[in-house]
Amino acid sequence: MVDPVVVAVDGPAAAGKGTLARRLARELGLPYLDTGLLYRAVARRVLLAGGLPTDPGAAEAAARGLDLADLDRPDLRGAEVDQGASQVAAQPAVRAALLDFQRDFAARKGGVMDGRDIGTVVCPDARVKLFVTASPEARARRRWLERAGRGEVVVLEEVAAEMALRDARDAARDVAPMRPAEDALLLDTTEMDAEAAFREAWTLVQARLSV
């Protein structure tokens, strides 16, 4: 029996990995999962209940009560949920609660999975592992434009500071820190638009799948 194909796409926020992962899934005919939405959904649940994402008990309860419908909520984007997602993701109990969900998704039909620890923790045996990054300046500008496009009044410098804080937290956490897997293929999208990033990633993925 041939194992399902899993493509892990990891990297920091606004590096372009979400857009890239969705297109790779479409071109490969594989399911797509944005694992970051799981943590955003947990943070959203905690915040709506009046709790703090840093509260381990509240965060674990929200994670264990998560439903697929939670991933389709329109209010999963925004600064408060963004920071909350990073805070709940640093908690071992939350990660444990969501790990089985992610692995079950991959085991059913394979898929392209977008996150921060897919290649290192969730699916360390993934056939292809990409680590997508970009300069802090490029990423901050992309996120600023994205939020401004949604009608938010935001200052570029504040967005950059928020992202720097999240990067530091994600990289320094004891549980599943954000880092490239040893066998990950690195893709720097600083000077690339979405089409150029896809072309480069497609070449890397096809080469790895043919091995």
Protein backbone atom coordinates (compact mmCIF):
# COMPACT_ATOMS: atom_id res chain seq x y z
CA MET A 1 0.00 0.00 0.00
CA VAL A 2 1.39 3.40 -1.00
CA ASP A 3 1.35 6.01 1.76
CA PRO A 4 -0.67 9.16 0.99
CA VAL A 5 1.41 12.07 -0.28
CA VAL A 6 1.86 14.78 2.33
CA VAL A 7 3.42 18.13 1.49
CA ALA A 8 4.41 20.20 4.54
CA VAL A 9 4.57 23.95 3.99
CA ASP A 10 5.98 25.72 7.04
CA GLY A 11 7.17 29.25 7.73
CA PRO A 12 6.40 32.53 9.48
CA ALA A 13 3.34 34.72 8.94
CA ALA A 14 2.97 36.64 5.66
CA ALA A 15 5.76 34.75 3.92
CA GLY A 16 3.22 33.66 1.32
CA LYS A 17 2.92 30.05 2.42
CA GLY A 18 -0.89 30.03 2.59
CA THR A 19 -1.41 31.21 -0.98
CA LEU A 20 1.33 28.86 -2.12
CA ALA A 21 0.00 25.84 -0.22
CA ARG A 22 -3.53 26.29 -1.54
CA ARG A 23 -2.30 26.41 -5.13
CA LEU A 24 -0.02 23.42 -4.66
CA ALA A 25 -2.96 21.44 -3.27
CA ARG A 26 -5.08 22.38 -6.27
CA GLU A 27 -2.38 21.47 -8.79
CA LEU A 28 -1.56 18.19 -7.04
CA GLY A 29 -5.20 17.25 -6.50
CA LEU A 30 -4.71 16.96 -2.74
CA PRO A 31 -6.78 18.19 0.22
CA TYR A 32 -5.58 21.40 1.87
CA LEU A 33 -5.42 22.23 5.57
CA ASP A 34 -4.41 25.58 7.03
CA THR A 35 -3.33 24.38 10.47
CA GLY A 36 -2.90 27.95 11.65
CA LEU A 37 -6.69 28.26 11.55
CA LEU A 38 -6.91 25.60 14.27
CA TYR A 39 -4.97 27.79 16.67
CA ARG A 40 -6.83 30.91 15.55
CA ALA A 41 -10.11 29.11 16.18
CA VAL A 42 -8.97 28.13 19.67
CA ALA A 43 -7.94 31.72 20.43
CA ARG A 44 -11.25 33.01 19.07
CA ARG A 45 -13.22 30.62 21.29
CA VAL A 46 -11.28 31.70 24.38
CA LEU A 47 -11.66 35.41 23.61
CA LEU A 48 -15.40 35.12 22.89
CA ALA A 49 -15.85 33.42 26.25
CA GLY A 50 -14.13 36.36 27.94
CA GLY A 51 -11.00 34.40 28.76
CA LEU A 52 -7.31 34.94 28.11
CA PRO A 53 -5.40 32.92 25.50
CA THR A 54 -2.57 32.64 28.03
CA ASP A 55 -4.84 30.70 30.43
CA PRO A 56 -3.89 27.01 29.93
CA GLY A 57 -7.19 25.66 31.22
CA ALA A 58 -9.34 27.87 29.02
CA ALA A 59 -7.15 27.24 25.98
CA GLU A 60 -7.16 23.45 26.38
CA ALA A 61 -10.93 23.37 26.87
CA ALA A 62 -11.41 25.43 23.71
CA ALA A 63 -9.06 23.15 21.75
CA ARG A 64 -10.84 19.98 22.84
CA GLY A 65 -14.22 21.47 21.97
CA LEU A 66 -13.15 22.62 18.52
CA ASP A 67 -15.42 21.78 15.61
CA LEU A 68 -14.70 21.89 11.87
CA ALA A 69 -17.27 24.68 11.59
CA ASP A 70 -14.96 26.83 13.73
CA LEU A 71 -12.50 26.97 10.83
CA ASP A 72 -15.03 28.73 8.60
CA ARG A 73 -15.69 31.70 10.87
CA PRO A 74 -15.21 35.08 9.19
CA ASP A 75 -13.55 36.66 12.23
CA LEU A 76 -10.45 34.46 12.45
CA ARG A 77 -8.24 37.23 11.08
CA GLY A 78 -7.22 40.29 13.03
CA ALA A 79 -4.56 41.45 15.47
CA GLU A 80 -6.15 40.13 18.68
CA VAL A 81 -6.82 36.66 17.31
CA ASP A 82 -3.43 36.69 15.59
CA GLN A 83 -1.57 37.25 18.86
CA GLY A 84 -3.91 34.89 20.71
CA ALA A 85 -3.18 32.11 18.23
CA SER A 86 0.54 32.39 18.94
CA GLN A 87 -0.14 32.32 22.69
CA VAL A 88 -2.32 29.21 22.66
CA ALA A 89 0.05 27.48 20.22
CA ALA A 90 2.84 27.70 22.81
CA GLN A 91 0.86 25.54 25.26
CA PRO A 92 1.59 21.77 25.30
CA ALA A 93 -1.99 20.78 26.17
CA VAL A 94 -3.39 22.71 23.22
CA ARG A 95 -0.88 21.26 20.79
CA ALA A 96 -1.58 17.75 22.08
CA ALA A 97 -5.32 18.26 21.64
CA LEU A 98 -4.88 19.34 18.00
CA LEU A 99 -2.07 16.98 16.98
CA ASP A 100 -4.29 13.93 16.44
CA PHE A 101 -6.69 15.99 14.32
CA GLN A 102 -3.88 17.05 12.01
CA ARG A 103 -2.35 13.59 11.74
CA ASP A 104 -5.72 11.99 11.04
CA PHE A 105 -6.27 14.52 8.25
CA ALA A 106 -2.93 13.61 6.67
CA ALA A 107 -3.42 9.86 7.04
CA ARG A 108 -6.79 9.76 5.27
CA LYS A 109 -5.90 11.03 1.80
CA GLY A 110 -2.67 12.92 2.26
CA GLY A 111 -2.70 16.64 1.65
CA VAL A 112 -0.87 19.92 1.57
CA MET A 113 -0.61 21.20 5.13
CA ASP A 114 0.28 24.79 5.92
CA GLY A 115 1.69 25.62 9.35
CA ARG A 116 4.77 26.15 11.47
CA ASP A 117 5.69 22.66 12.67
CA ILE A 118 4.25 20.30 10.04
CA GLY A 119 7.61 19.06 8.81
CA THR A 120 9.20 18.85 12.26
CA VAL A 121 6.39 17.56 14.52
CA VAL A 122 3.04 16.87 12.86
CA CYS A 123 4.24 14.97 9.79
CA PRO A 124 8.00 14.43 10.10
CA ASP A 125 7.76 11.74 7.40
CA ALA A 126 6.10 14.05 4.84
CA ARG A 127 7.27 13.33 1.29
CA VAL A 128 7.98 17.01 0.66
CA LYS A 129 8.85 19.70 3.19
CA LEU A 130 9.01 23.36 2.23
CA PHE A 131 10.04 26.15 4.57
CA VAL A 132 8.81 29.43 3.12
CA THR A 133 10.20 32.70 4.44
CA ALA A 134 10.79 36.34 3.50
CA SER A 135 12.47 39.35 5.06
CA PRO A 136 10.72 40.88 8.10
CA GLU A 137 10.20 44.11 6.13
CA ALA A 138 8.53 42.35 3.20
CA ARG A 139 6.32 40.27 5.47
CA ALA A 140 5.23 43.27 7.54
CA ARG A 141 4.32 45.21 4.41
CA ARG A 142 2.30 42.30 3.03
CA ARG A 143 0.36 41.91 6.27
CA TRP A 144 -0.19 45.68 6.47
CA LEU A 145 -1.59 45.76 2.93
CA GLU A 146 -3.77 42.74 3.68
CA ARG A 147 -5.27 44.32 6.77
CA ALA A 148 -5.69 47.71 5.11
CA GLY A 149 -7.50 45.95 2.29
CA ARG A 150 -10.01 44.66 4.83
CA GLY A 151 -10.68 48.24 5.91
CA GLU A 152 -8.59 48.21 9.08
CA VAL A 153 -6.81 51.40 10.07
CA VAL A 154 -3.30 50.15 10.79
CA VAL A 155 0.19 51.62 10.99
CA LEU A 156 2.97 49.74 9.21
CA GLU A 157 5.38 50.12 12.13
CA GLU A 158 2.82 48.65 14.53
CA VAL A 159 2.21 45.69 12.25
CA ALA A 160 5.96 45.11 12.04
CA ALA A 161 6.26 45.19 15.83
CA GLU A 162 3.37 42.73 16.26
CA MET A 163 4.93 40.34 13.77
CA ALA A 164 8.36 40.58 15.39
CA LEU A 165 6.80 39.70 18.75
CA ARG A 166 5.02 36.70 17.27
CA ASP A 167 8.13 35.52 15.42
CA ALA A 168 10.14 35.63 18.63
CA ARG A 169 7.46 33.75 20.56
CA ASP A 170 7.04 31.09 17.88
CA ALA A 171 10.77 30.50 17.57
CA ALA A 172 11.50 30.45 21.31
CA ARG A 173 8.65 28.30 22.62
CA ASP A 174 9.65 25.02 24.29
CA VAL A 175 7.02 22.98 22.42
CA ALA A 176 7.43 22.61 18.64
CA PRO A 177 9.36 25.83 17.98
CA MET A 178 9.11 27.22 14.46
CA ARG A 179 12.17 26.10 12.54
CA PRO A 180 12.93 24.38 9.24
CA ALA A 181 13.12 20.59 9.27
CA GLU A 182 16.63 19.32 8.54
CA ASP A 183 15.49 18.05 5.14
CA ALA A 184 13.24 21.01 4.29
CA LEU A 185 13.58 22.83 1.00
CA LEU A 186 14.01 26.55 1.69
CA LEU A 187 12.13 29.15 -0.35
CA ASP A 188 12.72 32.88 0.21
CA THR A 189 9.87 34.87 -1.35
CA THR A 190 11.15 38.36 -0.46
CA GLU A 191 11.59 39.37 -4.09
CA MET A 192 8.84 37.13 -5.51
CA ASP A 193 5.20 37.68 -6.32
CA ALA A 194 2.74 34.80 -5.86
CA GLU A 195 3.23 33.45 -9.38
CA ALA A 196 7.02 33.42 -9.16
CA ALA A 197 6.88 31.76 -5.73
CA PHE A 198 4.59 29.06 -7.08
CA ARG A 199 6.81 28.34 -10.08
CA GLU A 200 9.86 27.95 -7.85
CA ALA A 201 7.97 25.81 -5.32
CA TRP A 202 6.47 23.66 -8.06
CA THR A 203 9.94 22.88 -9.40
CA LEU A 204 11.15 21.94 -5.92
CA VAL A 205 8.10 19.79 -5.15
CA GLN A 206 8.22 17.92 -8.47
CA ALA A 207 11.92 17.20 -8.00
CA ARG A 208 11.36 15.81 -4.50
CA LEU A 209 8.33 13.72 -5.53
CA SER A 210 10.28 12.16 -8.38
CA VAL A 211 12.99 10.83 -6.07
